[in-house]
Amino acid sequence: MPSWGDFTDDFYHVACPHCAVEVTIAIGDYGRYSAIRDWNLGDVDRRGLRPASFQELSGTGRWMHETAVRDGHEALADGIAHLFGKGECPHCASVFNIADAYTSANRPVLR
């Protein structure tokens, strides 16, 4: 049975904050990259993610990482470092904070 939320097979869809193209963020056993997803070709023009170092983590990201390390979940801690790290847009080559882009894409609309 596949797992959910443990970075075994996780994909996140965000808009590049610079050019607005949809970027797929992959964090899992198959790799840690940003890409443009093509229906027929899969993930194309992959760019490696840049994980946040422990010193760069703060707030929720730091707490999540510390908890995963403390509890011996190295794969989870590594996934968190990537999720709170940097991605590169394959379309415009801009580097952006993945967690910020994901938060922006999933923020509820206030009316």
PDB file of N, CA and C in Angstrom:
ATOM      1  N   MET A   1       0.845  -1.176   0.000  1.00  0.00           N
ATOM      2  CA  MET A   1       0.000   0.000   0.000  1.00  0.00           C
ATOM      3  C   MET A   1       0.899   1.251   0.000  1.00  0.00           C
ATOM      4  N   PRO A   2       0.634   2.207  -0.891  1.00  0.00           N
ATOM      5  CA  PRO A   2       1.476   3.402  -0.924  1.00  0.00           C
ATOM      6  C   PRO A   2       1.273   4.257   0.317  1.00  0.00           C
ATOM      7  N   SER A   3       2.335   4.918   0.696  1.00  0.00           N
ATOM      8  CA  SER A   3       2.258   5.813   1.850  1.00  0.00           C
ATOM      9  C   SER A   3       1.946   7.221   1.370  1.00  0.00           C
ATOM     10  N   TRP A   4       1.490   8.068   2.249  1.00  0.00           N
ATOM     11  CA  TRP A   4       1.121   9.423   1.900  1.00  0.00           C
ATOM     12  C   TRP A   4       1.791  10.385   2.863  1.00  0.00           C
ATOM     13  N   GLY A   5       2.426  11.405   2.317  1.00  0.00           N
ATOM     14  CA  GLY A   5       2.991  12.438   3.150  1.00  0.00           C
ATOM     15  C   GLY A   5       4.307  12.095   3.820  1.00  0.00           C
ATOM     16  N   ASP A   6       4.980  11.047   3.357  1.00  0.00           N
ATOM     17  CA  ASP A   6       6.260  10.688   3.969  1.00  0.00           C
ATOM     18  C   ASP A   6       7.412  10.862   2.989  1.00  0.00           C
ATOM     19  N   PHE A   7       7.170  11.530   1.878  1.00  0.00           N
ATOM     20  CA  PHE A   7       8.156  11.800   0.831  1.00  0.00           C
ATOM     21  C   PHE A   7       8.626  10.542   0.124  1.00  0.00           C
ATOM     22  N   THR A   8       7.787   9.506   0.104  1.00  0.00           N
ATOM     23  CA  THR A   8       8.064   8.327  -0.698  1.00  0.00           C
ATOM     24  C   THR A   8       7.676   8.587  -2.146  1.00  0.00           C
ATOM     25  N   ASP A   9       6.574   9.287  -2.343  1.00  0.00           N
ATOM     26  CA  ASP A   9       6.034   9.528  -3.678  1.00  0.00           C
ATOM     27  C   ASP A   9       5.207  10.810  -3.653  1.00  0.00           C
ATOM     28  N   ASP A  10       5.836  11.950  -3.358  1.00  0.00           N
ATOM     29  CA  ASP A  10       5.095  13.206  -3.191  1.00  0.00           C
ATOM     30  C   ASP A  10       5.344  14.166  -4.344  1.00  0.00           C
ATOM     31  N   PHE A  11       4.263  14.785  -4.820  1.00  0.00           N
ATOM     32  CA  PHE A  11       4.330  15.795  -5.871  1.00  0.00           C
ATOM     33  C   PHE A  11       3.562  17.019  -5.395  1.00  0.00           C
ATOM     34  N   TYR A  12       4.095  18.176  -5.685  1.00  0.00           N
ATOM     35  CA  TYR A  12       3.462  19.444  -5.337  1.00  0.00           C
ATOM     36  C   TYR A  12       3.417  20.288  -6.609  1.00  0.00           C
ATOM     37  N   HIS A  13       2.315  20.970  -6.821  1.00  0.00           N
ATOM     38  CA  HIS A  13       2.167  21.803  -8.009  1.00  0.00           C
ATOM     39  C   HIS A  13       2.097  23.250  -7.565  1.00  0.00           C
ATOM     40  N   VAL A  14       3.001  24.046  -8.106  1.00  0.00           N
ATOM     41  CA  VAL A  14       3.077  25.466  -7.747  1.00  0.00           C
ATOM     42  C   VAL A  14       3.231  26.287  -9.023  1.00  0.00           C
ATOM     43  N   ALA A  15       2.878  27.548  -8.924  1.00  0.00           N
ATOM     44  CA  ALA A  15       3.133  28.479 -10.019  1.00  0.00           C
ATOM     45  C   ALA A  15       4.466  29.161  -9.744  1.00  0.00           C
ATOM     46  N   CYS A  16       5.288  29.253 -10.764  1.00  0.00           N
ATOM     47  CA  CYS A  16       6.547  29.981 -10.609  1.00  0.00           C
ATOM     48  C   CYS A  16       6.200  31.415 -10.229  1.00  0.00           C
ATOM     49  N   PRO A  17       6.780  31.935  -9.153  1.00  0.00           N
ATOM     50  CA  PRO A  17       6.451  33.307  -8.733  1.00  0.00           C
ATOM     51  C   PRO A  17       6.958  34.369  -9.707  1.00  0.00           C
ATOM     52  N   HIS A  18       7.767  33.982 -10.681  1.00  0.00           N
ATOM     53  CA  HIS A  18       8.331  34.960 -11.613  1.00  0.00           C
ATOM     54  C   HIS A  18       7.638  34.954 -12.971  1.00  0.00           C
ATOM     55  N   CYS A  19       7.311  33.757 -13.505  1.00  0.00           N
ATOM     56  CA  CYS A  19       6.696  33.696 -14.839  1.00  0.00           C
ATOM     57  C   CYS A  19       5.323  33.032 -14.841  1.00  0.00           C
ATOM     58  N   ALA A  20       4.886  32.507 -13.699  1.00  0.00           N
ATOM     59  CA  ALA A  20       3.561  31.914 -13.481  1.00  0.00           C
ATOM     60  C   ALA A  20       3.343  30.562 -14.168  1.00  0.00           C
ATOM     61  N   VAL A  21       4.364  29.969 -14.791  1.00  0.00           N
ATOM     62  CA  VAL A  21       4.199  28.643 -15.379  1.00  0.00           C
ATOM     63  C   VAL A  21       4.004  27.625 -14.251  1.00  0.00           C
ATOM     64  N   GLU A  22       3.209  26.576 -14.497  1.00  0.00           N
ATOM     65  CA  GLU A  22       3.009  25.545 -13.479  1.00  0.00           C
ATOM     66  C   GLU A  22       4.242  24.655 -13.408  1.00  0.00           C
ATOM     67  N   VAL A  23       4.781  24.534 -12.202  1.00  0.00           N
ATOM     68  CA  VAL A  23       5.979  23.736 -11.952  1.00  0.00           C
ATOM     69  C   VAL A  23       5.599  22.586 -11.021  1.00  0.00           C
ATOM     70  N   THR A  24       6.021  21.392 -11.372  1.00  0.00           N
ATOM     71  CA  THR A  24       5.824  20.226 -10.512  1.00  0.00           C
ATOM     72  C   THR A  24       7.074  20.058  -9.660  1.00  0.00           C
ATOM     73  N   ILE A  25       6.868  19.933  -8.356  1.00  0.00           N
ATOM     74  CA  ILE A  25       7.948  19.668  -7.412  1.00  0.00           C
ATOM     75  C   ILE A  25       7.812  18.212  -6.994  1.00  0.00           C
ATOM     76  N   ALA A  26       8.859  17.437  -7.202  1.00  0.00           N
ATOM     77  CA  ALA A  26       8.865  16.025  -6.836  1.00  0.00           C
ATOM     78  C   ALA A  26       9.853  15.816  -5.701  1.00  0.00           C
ATOM     79  N   ILE A  27       9.378  15.149  -4.651  1.00  0.00           N
ATOM     80  CA  ILE A  27      10.248  14.795  -3.528  1.00  0.00           C
ATOM     81  C   ILE A  27       9.914  13.353  -3.160  1.00  0.00           C
ATOM     82  N   GLY A  28      10.820  12.444  -3.455  1.00  0.00           N
ATOM     83  CA  GLY A  28      10.553  11.054  -3.148  1.00  0.00           C
ATOM     84  C   GLY A  28      11.686  10.143  -3.546  1.00  0.00           C
ATOM     85  N   ASP A  29      11.415   8.856  -3.527  1.00  0.00           N
ATOM     86  CA  ASP A  29      12.422   7.852  -3.826  1.00  0.00           C
ATOM     87  C   ASP A  29      12.928   7.952  -5.261  1.00  0.00           C
ATOM     88  N   TYR A  30      12.141   8.496  -6.153  1.00  0.00           N
ATOM     89  CA  TYR A  30      12.464   8.619  -7.575  1.00  0.00           C
ATOM     90  C   TYR A  30      13.302   9.861  -7.862  1.00  0.00           C
ATOM     91  N   GLY A  31      13.434  10.765  -6.904  1.00  0.00           N
ATOM     92  CA  GLY A  31      14.237  11.965  -7.089  1.00  0.00           C
ATOM     93  C   GLY A  31      13.670  13.169  -6.378  1.00  0.00           C
ATOM     94  N   ARG A  32      14.440  14.242  -6.397  1.00  0.00           N
ATOM     95  CA  ARG A  32      14.057  15.508  -5.776  1.00  0.00           C
ATOM     96  C   ARG A  32      14.350  16.583  -6.813  1.00  0.00           C
ATOM     97  N   TYR A  33      13.286  17.033  -7.495  1.00  0.00           N
ATOM     98  CA  TYR A  33      13.477  17.926  -8.622  1.00  0.00           C
ATOM     99  C   TYR A  33      12.241  18.790  -8.879  1.00  0.00           C
ATOM    100  N   SER A  34      12.458  19.845  -9.665  1.00  0.00           N
ATOM    101  CA  SER A  34      11.355  20.622 -10.226  1.00  0.00           C
ATOM    102  C   SER A  34      11.315  20.289 -11.708  1.00  0.00           C
ATOM    103  N   ALA A  35      10.127  20.345 -12.305  1.00  0.00           N
ATOM    104  CA  ALA A  35       9.988  19.989 -13.717  1.00  0.00           C
ATOM    105  C   ALA A  35       8.707  20.596 -14.276  1.00  0.00           C
ATOM    106  N   ILE A  36       8.623  20.575 -15.580  1.00  0.00           N
ATOM    107  CA  ILE A  36       7.378  20.884 -16.264  1.00  0.00           C
ATOM    108  C   ILE A  36       6.742  19.537 -16.569  1.00  0.00           C
ATOM    109  N   ARG A  37       5.492  19.356 -16.180  1.00  0.00           N
ATOM    110  CA  ARG A  37       4.818  18.083 -16.398  1.00  0.00           C
ATOM    111  C   ARG A  37       4.108  18.104 -17.743  1.00  0.00           C
ATOM    112  N   ASP A  38       4.414  17.105 -18.542  1.00  0.00           N
ATOM    113  CA  ASP A  38       3.800  16.938 -19.854  1.00  0.00           C
ATOM    114  C   ASP A  38       2.971  15.661 -19.827  1.00  0.00           C
ATOM    115  N   TRP A  39       1.735  15.730 -20.296  1.00  0.00           N
ATOM    116  CA  TRP A  39       0.823  14.583 -20.239  1.00  0.00           C
ATOM    117  C   TRP A  39       1.431  13.351 -20.904  1.00  0.00           C
ATOM    118  N   ASN A  40       2.079  13.528 -22.039  1.00  0.00           N
ATOM    119  CA  ASN A  40       2.627  12.394 -22.791  1.00  0.00           C
ATOM    120  C   ASN A  40       4.066  12.046 -22.417  1.00  0.00           C
ATOM    121  N   LEU A  41       4.852  13.028 -22.058  1.00  0.00           N
ATOM    122  CA  LEU A  41       6.279  12.809 -21.818  1.00  0.00           C
ATOM    123  C   LEU A  41       6.648  12.662 -20.344  1.00  0.00           C
ATOM    124  N   GLY A  42       5.735  12.980 -19.459  1.00  0.00           N
ATOM    125  CA  GLY A  42       6.047  12.937 -18.024  1.00  0.00           C
ATOM    126  C   GLY A  42       6.701  14.233 -17.580  1.00  0.00           C
ATOM    127  N   ASP A  43       7.598  14.146 -16.616  1.00  0.00           N
ATOM    128  CA  ASP A  43       8.296  15.327 -16.102  1.00  0.00           C
ATOM    129  C   ASP A  43       9.501  15.620 -16.991  1.00  0.00           C
ATOM    130  N   VAL A  44       9.468  16.775 -17.637  1.00  0.00           N
ATOM    131  CA  VAL A  44      10.550  17.143 -18.557  1.00  0.00           C
ATOM    132  C   VAL A  44      11.322  18.339 -18.022  1.00  0.00           C
ATOM    133  N   ASP A  45      12.532  18.469 -18.485  1.00  0.00           N
ATOM    134  CA  ASP A  45      13.427  19.556 -18.099  1.00  0.00           C
ATOM    135  C   ASP A  45      13.595  19.618 -16.584  1.00  0.00           C
ATOM    136  N   ARG A  46      13.981  18.501 -16.001  1.00  0.00           N
ATOM    137  CA  ARG A  46      14.137  18.407 -14.551  1.00  0.00           C
ATOM    138  C   ARG A  46      15.303  19.260 -14.065  1.00  0.00           C
ATOM    139  N   ARG A  47      15.079  19.888 -12.911  1.00  0.00           N
ATOM    140  CA  ARG A  47      16.120  20.671 -12.245  1.00  0.00           C
ATOM    141  C   ARG A  47      16.193  20.190 -10.798  1.00  0.00           C
ATOM    142  N   GLY A  48      17.371  19.885 -10.322  1.00  0.00           N
ATOM    143  CA  GLY A  48      17.548  19.414  -8.947  1.00  0.00           C
ATOM    144  C   GLY A  48      17.139  20.462  -7.925  1.00  0.00           C
ATOM    145  N   LEU A  49      16.504  20.012  -6.849  1.00  0.00           N
ATOM    146  CA  LEU A  49      16.132  20.920  -5.762  1.00  0.00           C
ATOM    147  C   LEU A  49      17.343  21.233  -4.898  1.00  0.00           C
ATOM    148  N   ARG A  50      17.283  22.348  -4.211  1.00  0.00           N
ATOM    149  CA  ARG A  50      18.353  22.771  -3.312  1.00  0.00           C
ATOM    150  C   ARG A  50      17.798  22.745  -1.883  1.00  0.00           C
ATOM    151  N   PRO A  51      18.135  21.704  -1.126  1.00  0.00           N
ATOM    152  CA  PRO A  51      17.562  21.594   0.218  1.00  0.00           C
ATOM    153  C   PRO A  51      18.052  22.714   1.128  1.00  0.00           C
ATOM    154  N   ALA A  52      17.201  23.094   2.062  1.00  0.00           N
ATOM    155  CA  ALA A  52      17.586  24.077   3.077  1.00  0.00           C
ATOM    156  C   ALA A  52      18.510  23.393   4.079  1.00  0.00           C
ATOM    157  N   SER A  53      19.556  24.083   4.480  1.00  0.00           N
ATOM    158  CA  SER A  53      20.408  23.561   5.544  1.00  0.00           C
ATOM    159  C   SER A  53      19.665  23.754   6.867  1.00  0.00           C
ATOM    160  N   PHE A  54      20.101  23.048   7.885  1.00  0.00           N
ATOM    161  CA  PHE A  54      19.449  23.184   9.191  1.00  0.00           C
ATOM    162  C   PHE A  54      19.477  24.635   9.659  1.00  0.00           C
ATOM    163  N   GLN A  55      20.579  25.336   9.392  1.00  0.00           N
ATOM    164  CA  GLN A  55      20.704  26.734   9.817  1.00  0.00           C
ATOM    165  C   GLN A  55      19.719  27.643   9.086  1.00  0.00           C
ATOM    166  N   GLU A  56      19.322  27.283   7.880  1.00  0.00           N
ATOM    167  CA  GLU A  56      18.371  28.093   7.109  1.00  0.00           C
ATOM    168  C   GLU A  56      16.926  27.863   7.529  1.00  0.00           C
ATOM    169  N   LEU A  57      16.646  26.744   8.179  1.00  0.00           N
ATOM    170  CA  LEU A  57      15.279  26.436   8.584  1.00  0.00           C
ATOM    171  C   LEU A  57      14.875  27.292   9.774  1.00  0.00           C
ATOM    172  N   SER A  58      13.614  27.712   9.767  1.00  0.00           N
ATOM    173  CA  SER A  58      13.081  28.462  10.903  1.00  0.00           C
ATOM    174  C   SER A  58      11.608  28.104  11.065  1.00  0.00           C
ATOM    175  N   GLY A  59      11.025  28.516  12.144  1.00  0.00           N
ATOM    176  CA  GLY A  59       9.595  28.330  12.374  1.00  0.00           C
ATOM    177  C   GLY A  59       9.143  26.889  12.237  1.00  0.00           C
ATOM    178  N   THR A  60       8.066  26.699  11.492  1.00  0.00           N
ATOM    179  CA  THR A  60       7.460  25.378  11.323  1.00  0.00           C
ATOM    180  C   THR A  60       8.422  24.396  10.675  1.00  0.00           C
ATOM    181  N   GLY A  61       9.157  24.849   9.661  1.00  0.00           N
ATOM    182  CA  GLY A  61      10.109  23.966   8.985  1.00  0.00           C
ATOM    183  C   GLY A  61      11.170  23.436   9.915  1.00  0.00           C
ATOM    184  N   ARG A  62      11.705  24.298  10.752  1.00  0.00           N
ATOM    185  CA  ARG A  62      12.738  23.873  11.703  1.00  0.00           C
ATOM    186  C   ARG A  62      12.154  22.895  12.729  1.00  0.00           C
ATOM    187  N   TRP A  63      10.961  23.201  13.233  1.00  0.00           N
ATOM    188  CA  TRP A  63      10.312  22.320  14.209  1.00  0.00           C
ATOM    189  C   TRP A  63      10.053  20.943  13.603  1.00  0.00           C
ATOM    190  N   MET A  64       9.525  20.912  12.374  1.00  0.00           N
ATOM    191  CA  MET A  64       9.246  19.638  11.709  1.00  0.00           C
ATOM    192  C   MET A  64      10.536  18.839  11.503  1.00  0.00           C
ATOM    193  N   HIS A  65      11.582  19.511  11.056  1.00  0.00           N
ATOM    194  CA  HIS A  65      12.865  18.845  10.813  1.00  0.00           C
ATOM    195  C   HIS A  65      13.455  18.310  12.113  1.00  0.00           C
ATOM    196  N   GLU A  66      13.470  19.126  13.162  1.00  0.00           N
ATOM    197  CA  GLU A  66      13.998  18.689  14.465  1.00  0.00           C
ATOM    198  C   GLU A  66      13.229  17.482  14.994  1.00  0.00           C
ATOM    199  N   THR A  67      11.907  17.505  14.854  1.00  0.00           N
ATOM    200  CA  THR A  67      11.085  16.395  15.328  1.00  0.00           C
ATOM    201  C   THR A  67      11.388  15.118  14.556  1.00  0.00           C
ATOM    202  N   ALA A  68      11.507  15.215  13.239  1.00  0.00           N
ATOM    203  CA  ALA A  68      11.818  14.036  12.418  1.00  0.00           C
ATOM    204  C   ALA A  68      13.196  13.466  12.773  1.00  0.00           C
ATOM    205  N   VAL A  69      14.188  14.345  12.942  1.00  0.00           N
ATOM    206  CA  VAL A  69      15.537  13.889  13.316  1.00  0.00           C
ATOM    207  C   VAL A  69      15.509  13.243  14.694  1.00  0.00           C
ATOM    208  N   ARG A  70      14.856  13.898  15.647  1.00  0.00           N
ATOM    209  CA  ARG A  70      14.774  13.371  17.016  1.00  0.00           C
ATOM    210  C   ARG A  70      14.152  11.982  17.044  1.00  0.00           C
ATOM    211  N   ASP A  71      13.131  11.771  16.209  1.00  0.00           N
ATOM    212  CA  ASP A  71      12.416  10.499  16.212  1.00  0.00           C
ATOM    213  C   ASP A  71      13.036   9.462  15.269  1.00  0.00           C
ATOM    214  N   GLY A  72      14.194   9.791  14.665  1.00  0.00           N
ATOM    215  CA  GLY A  72      14.907   8.832  13.836  1.00  0.00           C
ATOM    216  C   GLY A  72      14.335   8.636  12.440  1.00  0.00           C
ATOM    217  N   HIS A  73      13.614   9.618  11.927  1.00  0.00           N
ATOM    218  CA  HIS A  73      13.017   9.522  10.590  1.00  0.00           C
ATOM    219  C   HIS A  73      13.850  10.346   9.603  1.00  0.00           C
ATOM    220  N   GLU A  74      14.983   9.779   9.216  1.00  0.00           N
ATOM    221  CA  GLU A  74      15.931  10.497   8.360  1.00  0.00           C
ATOM    222  C   GLU A  74      15.339  10.862   7.004  1.00  0.00           C
ATOM    223  N   ALA A  75      14.595   9.928   6.383  1.00  0.00           N
ATOM    224  CA  ALA A  75      14.001  10.204   5.067  1.00  0.00           C
ATOM    225  C   ALA A  75      12.996  11.359   5.161  1.00  0.00           C
ATOM    226  N   LEU A  76      12.238  11.394   6.242  1.00  0.00           N
ATOM    227  CA  LEU A  76      11.279  12.475   6.450  1.00  0.00           C
ATOM    228  C   LEU A  76      12.012  13.796   6.661  1.00  0.00           C
ATOM    229  N   ALA A  77      13.073  13.793   7.455  1.00  0.00           N
ATOM    230  CA  ALA A  77      13.859  15.013   7.689  1.00  0.00           C
ATOM    231  C   ALA A  77      14.460  15.520   6.384  1.00  0.00           C
ATOM    232  N   ASP A  78      14.951  14.613   5.544  1.00  0.00           N
ATOM    233  CA  ASP A  78      15.511  15.006   4.254  1.00  0.00           C
ATOM    234  C   ASP A  78      14.437  15.611   3.353  1.00  0.00           C
ATOM    235  N   GLY A  79      13.258  15.015   3.326  1.00  0.00           N
ATOM    236  CA  GLY A  79      12.151  15.548   2.532  1.00  0.00           C
ATOM    237  C   GLY A  79      11.739  16.932   3.003  1.00  0.00           C
ATOM    238  N   ILE A  80      11.708  17.143   4.301  1.00  0.00           N
ATOM    239  CA  ILE A  80      11.360  18.456   4.861  1.00  0.00           C
ATOM    240  C   ILE A  80      12.403  19.493   4.451  1.00  0.00           C
ATOM    241  N   ALA A  81      13.675  19.131   4.498  1.00  0.00           N
ATOM    242  CA  ALA A  81      14.738  20.059   4.074  1.00  0.00           C
ATOM    243  C   ALA A  81      14.558  20.461   2.613  1.00  0.00           C
ATOM    244  N   HIS A  82      14.118  19.527   1.775  1.00  0.00           N
ATOM    245  CA  HIS A  82      13.875  19.842   0.368  1.00  0.00           C
ATOM    246  C   HIS A  82      12.608  20.691   0.207  1.00  0.00           C
ATOM    247  N   LEU A  83      11.552  20.356   0.934  1.00  0.00           N
ATOM    248  CA  LEU A  83      10.298  21.104   0.836  1.00  0.00           C
ATOM    249  C   LEU A  83      10.475  22.565   1.262  1.00  0.00           C
ATOM    250  N   PHE A  84      11.351  22.807   2.231  1.00  0.00           N
ATOM    251  CA  PHE A  84      11.598  24.171   2.703  1.00  0.00           C
ATOM    252  C   PHE A  84      12.833  24.784   2.027  1.00  0.00           C
ATOM    253  N   GLY A  85      13.310  24.123   0.982  1.00  0.00           N
ATOM    254  CA  GLY A  85      14.466  24.612   0.240  1.00  0.00           C
ATOM    255  C   GLY A  85      14.062  25.409  -0.987  1.00  0.00           C
ATOM    256  N   LYS A  86      14.909  25.355  -1.998  1.00  0.00           N
ATOM    257  CA  LYS A  86      14.717  26.155  -3.212  1.00  0.00           C
ATOM    258  C   LYS A  86      14.500  25.244  -4.412  1.00  0.00           C
ATOM    259  N   GLY A  87      13.654  25.723  -5.323  1.00  0.00           N
ATOM    260  CA  GLY A  87      13.430  25.063  -6.602  1.00  0.00           C
ATOM    261  C   GLY A  87      13.762  26.029  -7.718  1.00  0.00           C
ATOM    262  N   GLU A  88      14.008  25.477  -8.889  1.00  0.00           N
ATOM    263  CA  GLU A  88      14.295  26.308 -10.056  1.00  0.00           C
ATOM    264  C   GLU A  88      13.223  26.078 -11.104  1.00  0.00           C
ATOM    265  N   CYS A  89      12.700  27.152 -11.650  1.00  0.00           N
ATOM    266  CA  CYS A  89      11.699  27.055 -12.704  1.00  0.00           C
ATOM    267  C   CYS A  89      12.374  26.595 -13.997  1.00  0.00           C
ATOM    268  N   PRO A  90      11.923  25.492 -14.581  1.00  0.00           N
ATOM    269  CA  PRO A  90      12.518  25.039 -15.831  1.00  0.00           C
ATOM    270  C   PRO A  90      12.229  25.979 -17.013  1.00  0.00           C
ATOM    271  N   HIS A  91      11.215  26.806 -16.903  1.00  0.00           N
ATOM    272  CA  HIS A  91      10.850  27.710 -17.994  1.00  0.00           C
ATOM    273  C   HIS A  91      11.706  28.970 -18.015  1.00  0.00           C
ATOM    274  N   CYS A  92      11.834  29.641 -16.845  1.00  0.00           N
ATOM    275  CA  CYS A  92      12.540  30.935 -16.812  1.00  0.00           C
ATOM    276  C   CYS A  92      13.838  30.894 -16.001  1.00  0.00           C
ATOM    277  N   ALA A  93      14.139  29.760 -15.369  1.00  0.00           N
ATOM    278  CA  ALA A  93      15.364  29.554 -14.582  1.00  0.00           C
ATOM    279  C   ALA A  93      15.415  30.377 -13.300  1.00  0.00           C
ATOM    280  N   SER A  94      14.295  30.942 -12.869  1.00  0.00           N
ATOM    281  CA  SER A  94      14.251  31.656 -11.594  1.00  0.00           C
ATOM    282  C   SER A  94      14.279  30.658 -10.448  1.00  0.00           C
ATOM    283  N   VAL A  95      14.954  31.031  -9.377  1.00  0.00           N
ATOM    284  CA  VAL A  95      15.030  30.196  -8.178  1.00  0.00           C
ATOM    285  C   VAL A  95      14.039  30.764  -7.167  1.00  0.00           C
ATOM    286  N   PHE A  96      13.251  29.883  -6.545  1.00  0.00           N
ATOM    287  CA  PHE A  96      12.235  30.326  -5.601  1.00  0.00           C
ATOM    288  C   PHE A  96      12.162  29.390  -4.404  1.00  0.00           C
ATOM    289  N   ASN A  97      11.586  29.903  -3.318  1.00  0.00           N
ATOM    290  CA  ASN A  97      11.372  29.127  -2.100  1.00  0.00           C
ATOM    291  C   ASN A  97      10.143  28.242  -2.314  1.00  0.00           C
ATOM    292  N   ILE A  98      10.319  26.938  -2.223  1.00  0.00           N
ATOM    293  CA  ILE A  98       9.239  25.987  -2.513  1.00  0.00           C
ATOM    294  C   ILE A  98       8.085  26.130  -1.532  1.00  0.00           C
ATOM    295  N   ALA A  99       8.371  26.194  -0.240  1.00  0.00           N
ATOM    296  CA  ALA A  99       7.309  26.289   0.763  1.00  0.00           C
ATOM    297  C   ALA A  99       6.495  27.565   0.572  1.00  0.00           C
ATOM    298  N   ASP A 100       7.154  28.675   0.261  1.00  0.00           N
ATOM    299  CA  ASP A 100       6.427  29.930   0.032  1.00  0.00           C
ATOM    300  C   ASP A 100       5.525  29.827  -1.193  1.00  0.00           C
ATOM    301  N   ALA A 101       6.032  29.229  -2.273  1.00  0.00           N
ATOM    302  CA  ALA A 101       5.235  29.078  -3.493  1.00  0.00           C
ATOM    303  C   ALA A 101       4.041  28.160  -3.241  1.00  0.00           C
ATOM    304  N   TYR A 102       4.251  27.078  -2.488  1.00  0.00           N
ATOM    305  CA  TYR A 102       3.158  26.151  -2.189  1.00  0.00           C
ATOM    306  C   TYR A 102       2.114  26.819  -1.298  1.00  0.00           C
ATOM    307  N   THR A 103       2.573  27.566  -0.306  1.00  0.00           N
ATOM    308  CA  THR A 103       1.647  28.285   0.572  1.00  0.00           C
ATOM    309  C   THR A 103       0.820  29.274  -0.232  1.00  0.00           C
ATOM    310  N   SER A 104       1.457  30.006  -1.122  1.00  0.00           N
ATOM    311  CA  SER A 104       0.766  30.981  -1.958  1.00  0.00           C
ATOM    312  C   SER A 104      -0.271  30.299  -2.843  1.00  0.00           C
ATOM    313  N   ALA A 105       0.075  29.156  -3.418  1.00  0.00           N
ATOM    314  CA  ALA A 105      -0.833  28.435  -4.310  1.00  0.00           C
ATOM    315  C   ALA A 105      -2.028  27.848  -3.576  1.00  0.00           C
ATOM    316  N   ASN A 106      -1.900  27.622  -2.291  1.00  0.00           N
ATOM    317  CA  ASN A 106      -2.955  26.940  -1.534  1.00  0.00           C
ATOM    318  C   ASN A 106      -3.596  27.812  -0.462  1.00  0.00           C
ATOM    319  N   ARG A 107      -3.343  29.089  -0.512  1.00  0.00           N
ATOM    320  CA  ARG A 107      -3.935  30.028   0.449  1.00  0.00           C
ATOM    321  C   ARG A 107      -5.406  30.202   0.111  1.00  0.00           C
ATOM    322  N   PRO A 108      -6.294  30.122   1.106  1.00  0.00           N
ATOM    323  CA  PRO A 108      -7.715  30.323   0.828  1.00  0.00           C
ATOM    324  C   PRO A 108      -7.996  31.750   0.348  1.00  0.00           C
ATOM    325  N   VAL A 109      -8.959  31.856  -0.535  1.00  0.00           N
ATOM    326  CA  VAL A 109      -9.350  33.166  -1.046  1.00  0.00           C
ATOM    327  C   VAL A 109     -10.328  33.800  -0.059  1.00  0.00           C
ATOM    328  N   LEU A 110      -9.996  35.000   0.391  1.00  0.00           N
ATOM    329  CA  LEU A 110     -10.891  35.721   1.301  1.00  0.00           C
ATOM    330  C   LEU A 110     -11.855  36.553   0.492  1.00  0.00           C
ATOM    331  N   ARG A 111     -13.086  36.571   0.912  1.00  0.00           N
ATOM    332  CA  ARG A 111     -14.103  37.362   0.207  1.00  0.00           C
ATOM    333  C   ARG A 111     -14.650  38.421   1.097  1.00  0.00           C
TER     334      ARG A 111
END
